[in-house]
Amino acid sequence: MVDVAGLLARYSNLIRIASYTDRTINFLGNNSGLLRNQLGEIMHGVATSFLLTIRDYAKTSSEKEARKIARELVKHQQDELDTGTVMMILGITDPVADEDHLHPRGFRVVSTISMLDEAATARIISEYGSLSAIVNDSDVGFDRLDNAGVGNIRAVAASFRQMRNTLQNKGPL
């Protein structure tokens, strides 16, 4: 959880700095275009990754709750976001009792499969509960994908098998 807390603290700090930079760019007038474009390139995908990381680890995985948590995290300076504070903001009050939430649900990973939209990703995460469960189901052929109402099950299952092989080569989840 220390790694997740550190990651979320860095995300929130980056978003806070980008917001400040964006406000400051307005003072440059006509000279702001290049800087605004560069800021956009640097920040591309950061907010989405931030929200998906929150949804992976927060007590409640809804997008609405993730946005609320993100706003709360961004209010704090990076040095204020120690592991305990981040866990409290995520809704994890007892790390031992809430151990299920200390493992990623899989939003960040599953959302990278191009043939799945956001709704399909949410249904898969709801059906499986965690990235570990998705990877473990690959041994029996992803029978639960049908329960999640996913179209093109073969292609999605092939993506999950490839994901499993990649994760197995990197070590435990």
Protein backbone atom coordinates (compact mmCIF):
# COMPACT_ATOMS: atom_id res chain seq x y z
CA MET A 1 0.00 0.00 0.00
CA VAL A 2 2.99 2.29 0.51
CA ASP A 3 3.66 2.19 -3.26
CA VAL A 4 0.02 3.02 -4.05
CA ALA A 5 0.03 5.90 -1.56
CA GLY A 6 3.23 7.25 -3.11
CA LEU A 7 1.82 6.93 -6.61
CA LEU A 8 -1.42 8.69 -5.70
CA ALA A 9 0.53 11.44 -3.91
CA ARG A 10 2.65 12.00 -7.04
CA TYR A 11 -0.42 12.02 -9.29
CA SER A 12 -2.19 14.55 -7.09
CA ASN A 13 0.93 16.73 -6.93
CA LEU A 14 1.32 16.62 -10.72
CA ILE A 15 -2.33 17.57 -11.24
CA ARG A 16 -2.06 20.40 -8.70
CA ILE A 17 1.10 21.75 -10.41
CA ALA A 18 -0.51 21.48 -13.85
CA SER A 19 -3.56 23.37 -12.62
CA TYR A 20 -1.36 26.12 -11.20
CA THR A 21 0.70 26.23 -14.41
CA ASP A 22 -2.46 26.43 -16.51
CA ARG A 23 -3.68 29.43 -14.49
CA THR A 24 -0.27 31.09 -14.77
CA ILE A 25 -0.11 30.58 -18.55
CA ASN A 26 -3.04 32.96 -18.92
CA PHE A 27 -0.76 35.84 -17.91
CA LEU A 28 1.48 35.21 -20.94
CA GLY A 29 -1.16 36.40 -23.38
CA ASN A 30 -0.25 35.73 -27.02
CA ASN A 31 2.88 33.81 -26.03
CA SER A 32 0.96 31.10 -24.17
CA GLY A 33 0.09 28.77 -27.06
CA LEU A 34 3.26 26.67 -27.16
CA LEU A 35 3.41 26.30 -23.38
CA ARG A 36 -0.27 25.35 -23.20
CA ASN A 37 0.29 22.69 -25.91
CA GLN A 38 3.32 21.30 -24.09
CA LEU A 39 1.40 21.16 -20.82
CA GLY A 40 -1.38 19.29 -22.62
CA GLU A 41 1.11 16.77 -23.98
CA ILE A 42 2.72 16.24 -20.59
CA MET A 43 -0.61 15.79 -18.84
CA HIS A 44 -2.20 13.59 -21.53
CA GLY A 45 -3.79 10.61 -19.79
CA VAL A 46 -2.64 11.60 -16.28
CA ALA A 47 -6.13 12.43 -14.97
CA THR A 48 -7.54 9.18 -16.39
CA SER A 49 -4.72 7.11 -14.87
CA PHE A 50 -5.21 8.91 -11.55
CA LEU A 51 -8.93 8.07 -11.48
CA LEU A 52 -8.37 4.45 -12.57
CA THR A 53 -5.74 4.00 -9.85
CA ILE A 54 -8.19 5.35 -7.28
CA ARG A 55 -10.91 3.01 -8.58
CA ASP A 56 -8.48 0.09 -8.32
CA TYR A 57 -7.80 0.64 -4.61
CA ALA A 58 -10.62 2.69 -3.05
CA LYS A 59 -13.19 1.05 -0.80
CA THR A 60 -15.87 2.02 -3.34
CA SER A 61 -14.95 1.75 -7.02
CA SER A 62 -17.57 4.02 -8.59
CA GLU A 63 -16.39 6.76 -10.93
CA LYS A 64 -18.33 9.38 -8.94
CA GLU A 65 -16.60 8.33 -5.71
CA ALA A 66 -13.20 8.26 -7.49
CA ARG A 67 -13.70 11.88 -8.59
CA LYS A 68 -14.58 12.88 -5.04
CA ILE A 69 -11.46 11.11 -3.70
CA ALA A 70 -9.31 12.72 -6.41
CA ARG A 71 -10.51 16.19 -5.39
CA GLU A 72 -9.69 15.38 -1.76
CA LEU A 73 -6.21 14.08 -2.62
CA VAL A 74 -5.39 17.15 -4.73
CA LYS A 75 -6.25 19.42 -1.77
CA HIS A 76 -3.26 18.02 0.13
CA GLN A 77 0.40 18.80 -0.47
CA GLN A 78 2.47 15.77 -1.49
CA ASP A 79 4.31 15.62 1.85
CA GLU A 80 0.95 15.49 3.67
CA LEU A 81 -0.10 12.37 1.79
CA ASP A 82 1.52 9.64 3.84
CA THR A 83 0.23 6.06 3.65
CA GLY A 84 -2.24 6.48 6.52
CA THR A 85 -3.76 9.65 5.09
CA VAL A 86 -4.13 8.17 1.61
CA MET A 87 -5.69 4.99 3.03
CA MET A 88 -8.15 7.08 5.06
CA ILE A 89 -9.11 9.13 1.98
CA LEU A 90 -9.55 5.90 -0.01
CA GLY A 91 -11.93 4.68 2.71
CA ILE A 92 -9.60 1.94 3.96
CA THR A 93 -9.75 2.31 7.71
CA ASP A 94 -8.41 -1.09 8.76
CA PRO A 95 -5.75 -2.50 6.43
CA VAL A 96 -6.07 -6.01 7.89
CA ALA A 97 -9.87 -6.17 7.64
CA ASP A 98 -9.86 -4.42 4.24
CA GLU A 99 -7.12 -6.56 2.74
CA ASP A 100 -9.29 -7.24 -0.34
CA HIS A 101 -8.92 -3.59 -1.26
CA LEU A 102 -5.15 -3.65 -1.04
CA HIS A 103 -4.99 -5.51 -4.35
CA PRO A 104 -5.88 -3.84 -7.64
CA ARG A 105 -9.34 -4.44 -9.03
CA GLY A 106 -7.90 -4.15 -12.52
CA PHE A 107 -9.41 -0.92 -13.89
CA ARG A 108 -6.05 0.39 -15.13
CA VAL A 109 -5.09 -2.87 -16.82
CA VAL A 110 -8.47 -3.94 -18.23
CA SER A 111 -9.14 -0.44 -19.60
CA THR A 112 -6.11 -0.84 -21.88
CA ILE A 113 -7.92 -3.53 -23.91
CA SER A 114 -9.06 -1.50 -26.90
CA MET A 115 -12.15 -3.57 -27.70
CA LEU A 116 -13.67 -2.87 -24.26
CA ASP A 117 -15.50 0.34 -23.55
CA GLU A 118 -15.80 1.82 -20.08
CA ALA A 119 -19.10 0.04 -19.36
CA ALA A 120 -17.72 -3.36 -20.38
CA THR A 121 -14.62 -2.77 -18.24
CA ALA A 122 -16.81 -1.93 -15.24
CA ARG A 123 -18.95 -5.07 -15.79
CA ILE A 124 -15.84 -7.28 -15.98
CA ILE A 125 -14.40 -5.77 -12.79
CA SER A 126 -17.77 -6.18 -11.09
CA GLU A 127 -17.98 -9.84 -12.17
CA TYR A 128 -14.42 -10.76 -11.18
CA GLY A 129 -13.68 -8.35 -8.35
CA SER A 130 -9.91 -8.18 -8.85
CA LEU A 131 -7.14 -8.42 -11.38
CA SER A 132 -5.95 -11.61 -9.65
CA ALA A 133 -9.34 -13.25 -10.21
CA ILE A 134 -9.25 -12.31 -13.90
CA VAL A 135 -5.78 -13.78 -14.32
CA ASN A 136 -6.69 -16.93 -12.37
CA ASP A 137 -9.84 -17.45 -14.45
CA SER A 138 -7.67 -17.72 -17.53
CA ASP A 139 -6.85 -21.28 -16.48
CA VAL A 140 -10.48 -22.34 -17.00
CA GLY A 141 -11.21 -20.40 -20.19
CA PHE A 142 -12.81 -17.17 -18.99
CA ASP A 143 -16.28 -18.66 -18.58
CA ARG A 144 -17.30 -15.69 -16.44
CA LEU A 145 -16.88 -13.19 -19.30
CA ASP A 146 -20.24 -14.34 -20.63
CA ASN A 147 -21.78 -13.42 -17.25
CA ALA A 148 -20.37 -9.89 -17.67
CA GLY A 149 -22.17 -9.49 -20.99
CA VAL A 150 -18.97 -9.03 -22.96
CA GLY A 151 -19.14 -9.34 -26.73
CA ASN A 152 -16.35 -11.03 -28.70
CA ILE A 153 -15.37 -13.22 -25.76
CA ARG A 154 -12.66 -15.04 -27.70
CA ALA A 155 -10.75 -11.84 -28.47
CA VAL A 156 -11.09 -10.53 -24.92
CA ALA A 157 -10.03 -13.91 -23.53
CA ALA A 158 -6.98 -13.85 -25.81
CA SER A 159 -6.09 -10.40 -24.45
CA PHE A 160 -6.45 -11.71 -20.89
CA ARG A 161 -4.25 -14.72 -21.66
CA GLN A 162 -1.59 -12.41 -23.04
CA MET A 163 -1.98 -10.25 -19.91
CA ARG A 164 -1.61 -13.33 -17.71
CA ASN A 165 1.58 -14.35 -19.49
CA THR A 166 3.01 -10.86 -19.13
CA LEU A 167 2.11 -10.68 -15.43
CA GLN A 168 3.51 -14.15 -14.75
CA ASN A 169 6.81 -13.11 -16.28
CA LYS A 170 6.90 -10.03 -14.01
CA GLY A 171 6.05 -11.88 -10.80
CA PRO A 172 3.09 -11.90 -8.38
CA LEU A 173 0.34 -9.30 -8.56
